Amino acid sequence: MTSDPGLRQRKKMRTRQALIEGALRLFAEKGYDQTTVAEIAATADIATRTFFSYFDSKDDIVFFDDRSRLERAVEIIGERQPGEPVADLLRRVIDQSVFADTDSELARKVGPARTRLIASVPALQARELHLLFDIQLQLTEALHLACPELDLVEAAAAVGSLVGAIKVVVAACQKRGDRPEQTYKAVQRATDIAIDGLNSLPRPA
């Protein structure tokens, strides 16, 4: 009897989510440095060695959605439609890689706890800055390649303004104590404001 691949995939996704939620709960209760990989694995009823089939390290759990969102964003940029304005392209990138990503619901759910954790652990702050720089650099290169009417400076400015607006508004909302749904709406508004400013960029010939 052949097992159902879809069932296996759903089970893996449930285990992954259990690891993320369990890890963040333990980090809040015990502290990041005091929590072991074995303890995190136990929250999902898996062996310690199996943990590494899902994540390479503890800090990878904290930034569980960064890589998938980057890959999706680069893919969307690379599929730019003929004549599509840069502002419209970046709107699609945000809609389909941030708001509609498979990790979006989970990210909104754990967002406040994750933000507090990163703010309290210097090593995670450093990792976040490194990831943010790397993500913006890769998006800039992808946008410059897909939009030849933009020079490298214009592509970098477009990416920086959009990513910066989203990151800062999330931090500001969570510091104010907004609920996840309020933060989500604020991010949408910040995205609109940032993209409106990109309409001055050169359009394709």
N, C-alpha and C. Protein backbone atom coordinates (compact mmCIF):
# COMPACT_ATOMS: atom_id res chain seq x y z
N MET A 1 0.84 -1.20 0.00
CA MET A 1 0.00 0.00 0.00
C MET A 1 0.88 1.26 0.00
N THR A 2 0.65 2.15 -0.95
CA THR A 2 1.46 3.35 -1.08
C THR A 2 0.91 4.45 -0.19
N SER A 3 1.78 5.06 0.58
CA SER A 3 1.34 6.14 1.46
C SER A 3 1.02 7.39 0.64
N ASP A 4 0.18 8.23 1.20
CA ASP A 4 -0.28 9.44 0.52
C ASP A 4 0.77 10.54 0.69
N PRO A 5 1.40 11.02 -0.41
CA PRO A 5 2.40 12.08 -0.30
C PRO A 5 1.82 13.35 0.32
N GLY A 6 0.58 13.64 -0.02
CA GLY A 6 -0.06 14.83 0.54
C GLY A 6 -0.21 14.74 2.04
N LEU A 7 -0.53 13.55 2.53
CA LEU A 7 -0.68 13.34 3.97
C LEU A 7 0.67 13.52 4.67
N ARG A 8 1.72 12.97 4.06
CA ARG A 8 3.06 13.12 4.64
C ARG A 8 3.46 14.59 4.71
N GLN A 9 3.15 15.33 3.65
CA GLN A 9 3.52 16.74 3.62
C GLN A 9 2.76 17.53 4.68
N ARG A 10 1.48 17.24 4.84
CA ARG A 10 0.69 17.94 5.86
C ARG A 10 1.21 17.62 7.26
N LYS A 11 1.63 16.37 7.45
CA LYS A 11 2.18 15.99 8.76
C LYS A 11 3.48 16.74 9.02
N LYS A 12 4.31 16.87 7.99
CA LYS A 12 5.56 17.62 8.15
C LYS A 12 5.30 19.08 8.47
N MET A 13 4.30 19.66 7.81
CA MET A 13 3.97 21.06 8.07
C MET A 13 3.46 21.26 9.49
N ARG A 14 2.65 20.30 9.98
CA ARG A 14 2.15 20.39 11.36
C ARG A 14 3.30 20.27 12.35
N THR A 15 4.23 19.37 12.07
CA THR A 15 5.39 19.23 12.97
C THR A 15 6.24 20.49 12.95
N ARG A 16 6.45 21.04 11.78
CA ARG A 16 7.24 22.28 11.67
C ARG A 16 6.59 23.40 12.46
N GLN A 17 5.27 23.56 12.31
CA GLN A 17 4.57 24.60 13.05
C GLN A 17 4.66 24.36 14.55
N ALA A 18 4.54 23.09 14.96
CA ALA A 18 4.64 22.77 16.39
C ALA A 18 6.02 23.12 16.93
N LEU A 19 7.05 22.90 16.14
CA LEU A 19 8.41 23.25 16.56
C LEU A 19 8.56 24.76 16.73
N ILE A 20 8.02 25.51 15.78
CA ILE A 20 8.13 26.97 15.85
C ILE A 20 7.40 27.51 17.07
N GLU A 21 6.16 27.08 17.24
CA GLU A 21 5.38 27.58 18.36
C GLU A 21 5.96 27.10 19.69
N GLY A 22 6.40 25.85 19.74
CA GLY A 22 6.99 25.32 20.96
C GLY A 22 8.28 26.03 21.32
N ALA A 23 9.11 26.30 20.32
CA ALA A 23 10.37 26.98 20.58
C ALA A 23 10.14 28.39 21.11
N LEU A 24 9.25 29.12 20.50
CA LEU A 24 8.99 30.49 20.95
C LEU A 24 8.40 30.51 22.35
N ARG A 25 7.59 29.52 22.66
CA ARG A 25 7.04 29.44 24.01
C ARG A 25 8.16 29.17 25.03
N LEU A 26 9.06 28.25 24.71
CA LEU A 26 10.17 27.94 25.61
C LEU A 26 11.13 29.13 25.74
N PHE A 27 11.37 29.82 24.64
CA PHE A 27 12.26 30.99 24.70
C PHE A 27 11.69 32.03 25.66
N ALA A 28 10.36 32.20 25.62
CA ALA A 28 9.72 33.18 26.50
C ALA A 28 9.76 32.72 27.96
N GLU A 29 9.61 31.42 28.18
CA GLU A 29 9.55 30.88 29.54
C GLU A 29 10.93 30.73 30.18
N LYS A 30 11.89 30.22 29.40
CA LYS A 30 13.19 29.87 29.96
C LYS A 30 14.31 30.82 29.56
N GLY A 31 14.13 31.48 28.44
CA GLY A 31 15.20 32.28 27.86
C GLY A 31 15.78 31.57 26.65
N TYR A 32 16.24 32.34 25.68
CA TYR A 32 16.75 31.77 24.43
C TYR A 32 17.97 30.90 24.68
N ASP A 33 18.96 31.43 25.39
CA ASP A 33 20.21 30.70 25.60
C ASP A 33 20.01 29.46 26.46
N GLN A 34 19.02 29.47 27.34
CA GLN A 34 18.81 28.35 28.26
C GLN A 34 18.01 27.22 27.63
N THR A 35 17.40 27.47 26.50
CA THR A 35 16.57 26.44 25.85
C THR A 35 17.42 25.58 24.93
N THR A 36 17.29 24.28 25.03
CA THR A 36 18.07 23.35 24.21
C THR A 36 17.25 22.85 23.02
N VAL A 37 17.96 22.38 22.02
CA VAL A 37 17.30 21.79 20.85
C VAL A 37 16.48 20.57 21.26
N ALA A 38 16.99 19.79 22.21
CA ALA A 38 16.25 18.61 22.67
C ALA A 38 14.91 19.01 23.27
N GLU A 39 14.88 20.10 24.02
CA GLU A 39 13.63 20.56 24.61
C GLU A 39 12.65 21.04 23.54
N ILE A 40 13.17 21.70 22.54
CA ILE A 40 12.31 22.15 21.44
C ILE A 40 11.73 20.95 20.70
N ALA A 41 12.58 19.96 20.41
CA ALA A 41 12.11 18.76 19.70
C ALA A 41 11.00 18.06 20.49
N ALA A 42 11.14 18.06 21.80
CA ALA A 42 10.14 17.39 22.64
C ALA A 42 8.77 18.03 22.54
N THR A 43 8.71 19.33 22.26
CA THR A 43 7.41 19.99 22.14
C THR A 43 6.62 19.49 20.94
N ALA A 44 7.32 18.92 19.97
CA ALA A 44 6.65 18.38 18.78
C ALA A 44 6.69 16.86 18.76
N ASP A 45 7.12 16.26 19.86
CA ASP A 45 7.17 14.79 19.98
C ASP A 45 8.05 14.15 18.91
N ILE A 46 9.21 14.76 18.67
CA ILE A 46 10.16 14.17 17.72
C ILE A 46 11.51 14.03 18.41
N ALA A 47 12.37 13.20 17.84
CA ALA A 47 13.71 13.02 18.38
C ALA A 47 14.57 14.25 18.08
N THR A 48 15.59 14.44 18.89
CA THR A 48 16.48 15.59 18.68
C THR A 48 17.09 15.56 17.29
N ARG A 49 17.53 14.39 16.83
CA ARG A 49 18.16 14.31 15.51
C ARG A 49 17.17 14.67 14.41
N THR A 50 15.88 14.39 14.64
CA THR A 50 14.88 14.72 13.63
C THR A 50 14.68 16.22 13.52
N PHE A 51 14.92 16.94 14.60
CA PHE A 51 14.82 18.40 14.57
C PHE A 51 15.61 18.99 13.40
N PHE A 52 16.79 18.41 13.16
CA PHE A 52 17.68 18.97 12.14
C PHE A 52 17.23 18.64 10.72
N SER A 53 16.16 17.88 10.59
CA SER A 53 15.53 17.71 9.29
C SER A 53 14.64 18.91 8.96
N TYR A 54 14.33 19.70 9.98
CA TYR A 54 13.46 20.87 9.81
C TYR A 54 14.23 22.19 9.89
N PHE A 55 15.18 22.27 10.81
CA PHE A 55 15.93 23.51 11.01
C PHE A 55 17.39 23.17 11.30
N ASP A 56 18.28 24.07 10.89
CA ASP A 56 19.70 23.86 11.13
C ASP A 56 20.12 24.24 12.54
N SER A 57 19.38 25.16 13.16
CA SER A 57 19.77 25.67 14.47
C SER A 57 18.57 26.32 15.14
N LYS A 58 18.78 26.73 16.39
CA LYS A 58 17.71 27.41 17.12
C LYS A 58 17.33 28.73 16.44
N ASP A 59 18.32 29.49 16.00
CA ASP A 59 17.99 30.80 15.44
C ASP A 59 17.27 30.70 14.10
N ASP A 60 17.45 29.57 13.40
CA ASP A 60 16.69 29.37 12.16
C ASP A 60 15.19 29.30 12.43
N ILE A 61 14.80 28.83 13.61
CA ILE A 61 13.38 28.79 13.96
C ILE A 61 12.83 30.20 14.08
N VAL A 62 13.61 31.08 14.68
CA VAL A 62 13.14 32.46 14.88
C VAL A 62 12.88 33.13 13.53
N PHE A 63 13.72 32.83 12.55
CA PHE A 63 13.59 33.46 11.23
C PHE A 63 13.06 32.45 10.21
N PHE A 64 12.06 31.70 10.63
CA PHE A 64 11.59 30.55 9.84
C PHE A 64 11.03 30.92 8.48
N ASP A 65 10.55 32.15 8.30
CA ASP A 65 9.87 32.51 7.06
C ASP A 65 10.71 33.35 6.11
N ASP A 66 11.90 33.76 6.51
CA ASP A 66 12.69 34.68 5.68
C ASP A 66 13.09 34.07 4.34
N ARG A 67 13.61 32.86 4.37
CA ARG A 67 14.11 32.26 3.13
C ARG A 67 13.00 31.99 2.13
N SER A 68 11.88 31.45 2.58
CA SER A 68 10.79 31.13 1.65
C SER A 68 10.22 32.40 1.02
N ARG A 69 10.13 33.46 1.81
CA ARG A 69 9.60 34.71 1.27
C ARG A 69 10.56 35.33 0.27
N LEU A 70 11.85 35.27 0.56
CA LEU A 70 12.84 35.80 -0.38
C LEU A 70 12.79 35.04 -1.69
N GLU A 71 12.77 33.72 -1.62
CA GLU A 71 12.75 32.92 -2.84
C GLU A 71 11.51 33.22 -3.68
N ARG A 72 10.37 33.37 -3.02
CA ARG A 72 9.14 33.68 -3.74
C ARG A 72 9.21 35.08 -4.35
N ALA A 73 9.76 36.04 -3.62
CA ALA A 73 9.86 37.40 -4.13
C ALA A 73 10.77 37.47 -5.36
N VAL A 74 11.90 36.81 -5.31
CA VAL A 74 12.82 36.79 -6.45
C VAL A 74 12.17 36.12 -7.65
N GLU A 75 11.41 35.07 -7.39
CA GLU A 75 10.70 34.38 -8.48
C GLU A 75 9.69 35.31 -9.15
N ILE A 76 8.94 36.06 -8.36
CA ILE A 76 7.93 36.97 -8.91
C ILE A 76 8.60 38.08 -9.72
N ILE A 77 9.67 38.63 -9.19
CA ILE A 77 10.38 39.68 -9.92
C ILE A 77 10.88 39.15 -11.26
N GLY A 78 11.40 37.93 -11.25
CA GLY A 78 11.91 37.33 -12.48
C GLY A 78 10.83 37.05 -13.51
N GLU A 79 9.56 37.02 -13.06
CA GLU A 79 8.44 36.76 -13.97
C GLU A 79 7.71 38.05 -14.33
N ARG A 80 8.41 39.16 -14.30
CA ARG A 80 7.80 40.45 -14.63
C ARG A 80 7.10 40.41 -15.99
N GLN A 81 5.89 40.97 -16.03
CA GLN A 81 5.12 41.00 -17.26
C GLN A 81 5.65 42.09 -18.19
N PRO A 82 5.57 41.89 -19.51
CA PRO A 82 6.04 42.92 -20.44
C PRO A 82 5.33 44.26 -20.20
N GLY A 83 6.11 45.31 -20.06
CA GLY A 83 5.55 46.64 -19.86
C GLY A 83 5.04 46.93 -18.47
N GLU A 84 5.18 45.98 -17.54
CA GLU A 84 4.66 46.18 -16.19
C GLU A 84 5.48 47.23 -15.45
N PRO A 85 4.84 48.29 -14.93
CA PRO A 85 5.57 49.31 -14.17
C PRO A 85 6.22 48.71 -12.93
N VAL A 86 7.32 49.30 -12.52
CA VAL A 86 8.04 48.80 -11.35
C VAL A 86 7.15 48.81 -10.11
N ALA A 87 6.37 49.88 -9.94
CA ALA A 87 5.49 49.97 -8.77
C ALA A 87 4.49 48.83 -8.75
N ASP A 88 3.93 48.48 -9.90
CA ASP A 88 2.96 47.38 -9.97
C ASP A 88 3.65 46.05 -9.69
N LEU A 89 4.86 45.88 -10.19
CA LEU A 89 5.61 44.65 -9.95
C LEU A 89 5.88 44.47 -8.45
N LEU A 90 6.32 45.53 -7.80
CA LEU A 90 6.62 45.43 -6.37
C LEU A 90 5.35 45.23 -5.54
N ARG A 91 4.25 45.76 -6.02
CA ARG A 91 2.98 45.49 -5.34
C ARG A 91 2.68 44.00 -5.40
N ARG A 92 2.88 43.38 -6.55
CA ARG A 92 2.66 41.94 -6.67
C ARG A 92 3.60 41.16 -5.77
N VAL A 93 4.84 41.62 -5.69
CA VAL A 93 5.82 40.95 -4.83
C VAL A 93 5.33 40.93 -3.38
N ILE A 94 4.87 42.08 -2.88
CA ILE A 94 4.40 42.16 -1.50
C ILE A 94 3.14 41.32 -1.31
N ASP A 95 2.20 41.45 -2.23
CA ASP A 95 0.94 40.72 -2.10
C ASP A 95 1.15 39.21 -2.09
N GLN A 96 2.07 38.73 -2.93
CA GLN A 96 2.20 37.29 -3.13
C GLN A 96 3.32 36.64 -2.31
N SER A 97 4.24 37.44 -1.79
CA SER A 97 5.32 36.83 -1.01
C SER A 97 5.25 37.19 0.47
N VAL A 98 4.51 38.22 0.82
CA VAL A 98 4.37 38.61 2.23
C VAL A 98 2.96 38.32 2.71
N PHE A 99 1.95 38.88 2.03
CA PHE A 99 0.57 38.74 2.48
C PHE A 99 -0.02 37.38 2.16
N ALA A 100 0.47 36.72 1.11
CA ALA A 100 -0.13 35.45 0.70
C ALA A 100 0.82 34.27 0.86
N ASP A 101 1.95 34.47 1.51
CA ASP A 101 2.90 33.39 1.71
C ASP A 101 2.31 32.32 2.63
N THR A 102 2.75 31.08 2.46
CA THR A 102 2.21 29.99 3.28
C THR A 102 2.52 30.18 4.76
N ASP A 103 3.57 30.93 5.06
CA ASP A 103 3.94 31.18 6.45
C ASP A 103 3.31 32.45 7.01
N SER A 104 2.52 33.18 6.20
CA SER A 104 2.02 34.48 6.63
C SER A 104 1.15 34.39 7.88
N GLU A 105 0.22 33.45 7.91
CA GLU A 105 -0.68 33.34 9.05
C GLU A 105 0.10 33.02 10.33
N LEU A 106 1.03 32.10 10.22
CA LEU A 106 1.85 31.74 11.39
C LEU A 106 2.71 32.92 11.81
N ALA A 107 3.28 33.64 10.85
CA ALA A 107 4.12 34.79 11.18
C ALA A 107 3.34 35.86 11.91
N ARG A 108 2.09 36.09 11.50
CA ARG A 108 1.26 37.08 12.20
C ARG A 108 0.93 36.59 13.61
N LYS A 109 0.73 35.30 13.73
CA LYS A 109 0.36 34.73 15.04
C LYS A 109 1.49 34.87 16.05
N VAL A 110 2.71 34.60 15.62
CA VAL A 110 3.84 34.61 16.55
C VAL A 110 4.62 35.92 16.49
N GLY A 111 4.18 36.86 15.65
CA GLY A 111 4.92 38.09 15.42
C GLY A 111 5.32 38.86 16.68
N PRO A 112 4.36 39.19 17.56
CA PRO A 112 4.73 39.96 18.76
C PRO A 112 5.75 39.24 19.64
N ALA A 113 5.57 37.93 19.84
CA ALA A 113 6.51 37.17 20.67
C ALA A 113 7.89 37.13 20.01
N ARG A 114 7.91 37.00 18.70
CA ARG A 114 9.19 36.95 18.00
C ARG A 114 9.90 38.30 18.08
N THR A 115 9.17 39.38 17.93
CA THR A 115 9.77 40.71 18.00
C THR A 115 10.38 40.96 19.38
N ARG A 116 9.64 40.59 20.42
CA ARG A 116 10.16 40.78 21.79
C ARG A 116 11.42 39.94 22.01
N LEU A 117 11.40 38.71 21.47
CA LEU A 117 12.55 37.83 21.64
C LEU A 117 13.80 38.43 20.97
N ILE A 118 13.65 38.84 19.72
CA ILE A 118 14.80 39.39 18.98
C ILE A 118 15.36 40.62 19.69
N ALA A 119 14.46 41.45 20.21
CA ALA A 119 14.90 42.67 20.89
C ALA A 119 15.67 42.38 22.17
N SER A 120 15.49 41.18 22.72
CA SER A 120 16.11 40.85 24.01
C SER A 120 17.37 40.01 23.87
N VAL A 121 17.70 39.57 22.66
CA VAL A 121 18.85 38.68 22.46
C VAL A 121 19.80 39.31 21.43
N PRO A 122 20.96 39.81 21.86
CA PRO A 122 21.88 40.47 20.92
C PRO A 122 22.26 39.62 19.72
N ALA A 123 22.45 38.32 19.93
CA ALA A 123 22.83 37.45 18.81
C ALA A 123 21.74 37.40 17.75
N LEU A 124 20.48 37.43 18.17
CA LEU A 124 19.37 37.42 17.21
C LEU A 124 19.24 38.77 16.51
N GLN A 125 19.53 39.86 17.23
CA GLN A 125 19.53 41.17 16.60
C GLN A 125 20.56 41.22 15.47
N ALA A 126 21.74 40.69 15.75
CA ALA A 126 22.79 40.67 14.73
C ALA A 126 22.39 39.81 13.54
N ARG A 127 21.78 38.66 13.81
CA ARG A 127 21.34 37.77 12.73
C ARG A 127 20.26 38.46 11.89
N GLU A 128 19.35 39.17 12.54
CA GLU A 128 18.28 39.86 11.81
C GLU A 128 18.86 40.92 10.88
N LEU A 129 19.81 41.70 11.37
CA LEU A 129 20.42 42.74 10.54
C LEU A 129 21.14 42.13 9.34
N HIS A 130 21.84 41.03 9.58
CA HIS A 130 22.55 40.36 8.49
C HIS A 130 21.55 39.85 7.44
N LEU A 131 20.48 39.21 7.91
CA LEU A 131 19.47 38.69 6.99
C LEU A 131 18.80 39.82 6.21
N LEU A 132 18.48 40.91 6.90
CA LEU A 132 17.81 42.02 6.24
C LEU A 132 18.69 42.61 5.14
N PHE A 133 19.97 42.77 5.44
CA PHE A 133 20.89 43.29 4.42
C PHE A 133 20.97 42.34 3.23
N ASP A 134 21.11 41.05 3.50
CA ASP A 134 21.24 40.07 2.44
C ASP A 134 19.98 40.00 1.58
N ILE A 135 18.82 40.06 2.22
CA ILE A 135 17.56 40.03 1.49
C ILE A 135 17.43 41.23 0.58
N GLN A 136 17.73 42.41 1.10
CA GLN A 136 17.61 43.62 0.28
C GLN A 136 18.60 43.59 -0.89
N LEU A 137 19.79 43.08 -0.65
CA LEU A 137 20.78 43.01 -1.72
C LEU A 137 20.32 42.07 -2.82
N GLN A 138 19.79 40.91 -2.45
CA GLN A 138 19.33 39.96 -3.47
C GLN A 138 18.11 40.49 -4.22
N LEU A 139 17.21 41.17 -3.52
CA LEU A 139 16.06 41.76 -4.20
C LEU A 139 16.48 42.87 -5.14
N THR A 140 17.46 43.66 -4.73
CA THR A 140 17.97 44.73 -5.58
C THR A 140 18.55 44.17 -6.87
N GLU A 141 19.36 43.13 -6.75
CA GLU A 141 19.97 42.52 -7.93
C GLU A 141 18.90 41.93 -8.85
N ALA A 142 17.89 41.29 -8.27
CA ALA A 142 16.82 40.71 -9.08
C ALA A 142 16.02 41.79 -9.79
N LEU A 143 15.73 42.89 -9.08
CA LEU A 143 14.95 43.98 -9.67
C LEU A 143 15.73 44.68 -10.77
N HIS A 144 17.01 44.88 -10.55
CA HIS A 144 17.86 45.53 -11.56
C HIS A 144 17.92 44.68 -12.82
N LEU A 145 17.97 43.37 -12.66
CA LEU A 145 18.03 42.47 -13.81
C LEU A 145 16.70 42.44 -14.56
N ALA A 146 15.59 42.44 -13.82
CA ALA A 146 14.27 42.33 -14.44
C ALA A 146 13.79 43.66 -15.03
N CYS A 147 14.33 44.76 -14.54
CA CYS A 147 13.88 46.10 -14.96
C CYS A 147 15.07 46.89 -15.50
N PRO A 148 15.45 46.67 -16.74
CA PRO A 148 16.65 47.33 -17.29
C PRO A 148 16.53 48.85 -17.36
N GLU A 149 15.31 49.39 -17.25
CA GLU A 149 15.17 50.85 -17.24
C GLU A 149 15.65 51.47 -15.94
N LEU A 150 15.87 50.64 -14.92
CA LEU A 150 16.38 51.12 -13.64
C LEU A 150 17.89 50.89 -13.57
N ASP A 151 18.62 51.91 -13.11
CA ASP A 151 20.02 51.63 -12.81
C ASP A 151 20.10 51.01 -11.42
N LEU A 152 21.28 50.62 -11.00
CA LEU A 152 21.44 49.90 -9.73
C LEU A 152 21.03 50.75 -8.54
N VAL A 153 21.31 52.05 -8.61
CA VAL A 153 20.94 52.95 -7.51
C VAL A 153 19.43 53.03 -7.37
N GLU A 154 18.72 53.17 -8.50
CA GLU A 154 17.26 53.26 -8.46
C GLU A 154 16.64 51.95 -7.95
N ALA A 155 17.20 50.82 -8.38
CA ALA A 155 16.68 49.54 -7.89
C ALA A 155 16.90 49.39 -6.39
N ALA A 156 18.08 49.80 -5.92
CA ALA A 156 18.38 49.71 -4.49
C ALA A 156 17.48 50.63 -3.68
N ALA A 157 17.23 51.84 -4.19
CA ALA A 157 16.38 52.79 -3.48
C ALA A 157 14.94 52.28 -3.41
N ALA A 158 14.47 51.67 -4.48
CA ALA A 158 13.11 51.14 -4.50
C ALA A 158 12.95 50.02 -3.47
N VAL A 159 13.88 49.10 -3.47
CA VAL A 159 13.82 47.98 -2.52
C VAL A 159 13.97 48.49 -1.09
N GLY A 160 14.94 49.36 -0.87
CA GLY A 160 15.19 49.86 0.48
C GLY A 160 14.02 50.61 1.06
N SER A 161 13.37 51.43 0.24
CA SER A 161 12.24 52.22 0.74
C SER A 161 11.07 51.32 1.11
N LEU A 162 10.83 50.29 0.31
CA LEU A 162 9.69 49.40 0.55
C LEU A 162 9.95 48.49 1.76
N VAL A 163 11.10 47.84 1.78
CA VAL A 163 11.43 46.94 2.89
C VAL A 163 11.54 47.73 4.19
N GLY A 164 12.17 48.89 4.12
CA GLY A 164 12.31 49.72 5.31
C GLY A 164 10.98 50.15 5.88
N ALA A 165 10.06 50.55 5.01
CA ALA A 165 8.74 50.98 5.47
C ALA A 165 8.02 49.86 6.20
N ILE A 166 8.09 48.64 5.66
CA ILE A 166 7.42 47.51 6.27
C ILE A 166 8.05 47.16 7.62
N LYS A 167 9.37 47.07 7.66
CA LYS A 167 10.05 46.69 8.90
C LYS A 167 9.80 47.69 10.02
N VAL A 168 9.88 48.97 9.70
CA VAL A 168 9.72 49.99 10.74
C VAL A 168 8.28 50.06 11.24
N VAL A 169 7.31 49.94 10.34
CA VAL A 169 5.92 50.02 10.79
C VAL A 169 5.56 48.81 11.65
N VAL A 170 6.10 47.64 11.34
CA VAL A 170 5.86 46.46 12.18
C VAL A 170 6.42 46.70 13.58
N ALA A 171 7.64 47.20 13.64
CA ALA A 171 8.26 47.46 14.95
C ALA A 171 7.48 48.50 15.74
N ALA A 172 7.04 49.57 15.04
CA ALA A 172 6.31 50.63 15.72
C ALA A 172 4.96 50.14 16.24
N CYS A 173 4.26 49.35 15.44
CA CYS A 173 2.96 48.83 15.85
C CYS A 173 3.10 47.87 17.03
N GLN A 174 4.08 47.03 16.99
CA GLN A 174 4.25 46.07 18.08
C GLN A 174 4.72 46.76 19.36
N LYS A 175 5.54 47.80 19.23
CA LYS A 175 5.93 48.56 20.41
C LYS A 175 4.72 49.26 21.02
N ARG A 176 3.79 49.68 20.20
CA ARG A 176 2.57 50.34 20.67
C ARG A 176 1.59 49.35 21.27
N GLY A 177 1.81 48.07 21.00
CA GLY A 177 0.93 47.04 21.54
C GLY A 177 -0.24 46.71 20.65
N ASP A 178 -0.14 47.01 19.36
CA ASP A 178 -1.23 46.71 18.43
C ASP A 178 -1.45 45.20 18.31
N ARG A 179 -2.69 44.82 18.05
CA ARG A 179 -2.99 43.42 17.79
C ARG A 179 -2.46 43.03 16.41
N PRO A 180 -2.24 41.72 16.18
CA PRO A 180 -1.71 41.29 14.89
C PRO A 180 -2.51 41.80 13.69
N GLU A 181 -3.84 41.81 13.81
CA GLU A 181 -4.64 42.27 12.67
C GLU A 181 -4.46 43.77 12.43
N GLN A 182 -4.24 44.54 13.51
CA GLN A 182 -3.97 45.96 13.35
C GLN A 182 -2.61 46.18 12.67
N THR A 183 -1.64 45.40 13.08
CA THR A 183 -0.32 45.50 12.47
C THR A 183 -0.38 45.14 10.99
N TYR A 184 -1.15 44.11 10.67
CA TYR A 184 -1.30 43.68 9.28
C TYR A 184 -1.87 44.81 8.42
N LYS A 185 -2.89 45.49 8.92
CA LYS A 185 -3.49 46.60 8.18
C LYS A 185 -2.51 47.76 8.05
N ALA A 186 -1.73 48.01 9.10
CA ALA A 186 -0.74 49.07 9.06
C ALA A 186 0.34 48.78 8.02
N VAL A 187 0.73 47.52 7.92
CA VAL A 187 1.72 47.13 6.92
C VAL A 187 1.17 47.35 5.51
N GLN A 188 -0.09 47.03 5.31
CA GLN A 188 -0.70 47.27 4.01
C GLN A 188 -0.70 48.75 3.66
N ARG A 189 -1.02 49.58 4.65
CA ARG A 189 -1.03 51.03 4.42
C ARG A 189 0.38 51.55 4.14
N ALA A 190 1.37 51.08 4.91
CA ALA A 190 2.75 51.50 4.68
C ALA A 190 3.22 51.08 3.29
N THR A 191 2.79 49.90 2.87
CA THR A 191 3.14 49.43 1.53
C THR A 191 2.55 50.35 0.48
N ASP A 192 1.29 50.74 0.64
CA ASP A 192 0.65 51.65 -0.31
C ASP A 192 1.42 52.98 -0.40
N ILE A 193 1.79 53.53 0.77
CA ILE A 193 2.49 54.81 0.80
C ILE A 193 3.85 54.69 0.09
N ALA A 194 4.59 53.63 0.42
CA ALA A 194 5.91 53.45 -0.18
C ALA A 194 5.81 53.25 -1.69
N ILE A 195 4.84 52.45 -2.13
CA ILE A 195 4.72 52.17 -3.56
C ILE A 195 4.24 53.39 -4.32
N ASP A 196 3.37 54.21 -3.71
CA ASP A 196 2.96 55.45 -4.36
C ASP A 196 4.18 56.31 -4.68
N GLY A 197 5.15 56.29 -3.80
CA GLY A 197 6.36 57.07 -4.03
C GLY A 197 7.24 56.52 -5.13
N LEU A 198 7.02 55.26 -5.52
CA LEU A 198 7.82 54.64 -6.56
C LEU A 198 7.30 54.94 -7.97
N ASN A 199 6.16 55.59 -8.05
CA ASN A 199 5.58 55.89 -9.37
C ASN A 199 6.42 56.87 -10.17
N SER A 200 7.38 57.53 -9.50
CA SER A 200 8.27 58.45 -10.20
C SER A 200 9.44 57.74 -10.89
N LEU A 201 9.58 56.45 -10.62
CA LEU A 201 10.67 55.69 -11.25
C LEU A 201 10.45 55.56 -12.75
N PRO A 202 11.52 55.41 -13.52
CA PRO A 202 11.38 55.25 -14.97
C PRO A 202 10.47 54.08 -15.32
N ARG A 203 9.69 54.26 -16.38
CA ARG A 203 8.82 53.20 -16.85
C ARG A 203 9.46 52.50 -18.04
N PRO A 204 9.08 51.25 -18.28
CA PRO A 204 9.67 50.54 -19.42
C PRO A 204 9.33 51.22 -20.72
N ALA A 205 10.27 51.16 -21.64
CA ALA A 205 10.07 51.80 -22.95
C ALA A 205 9.01 51.07 -23.76
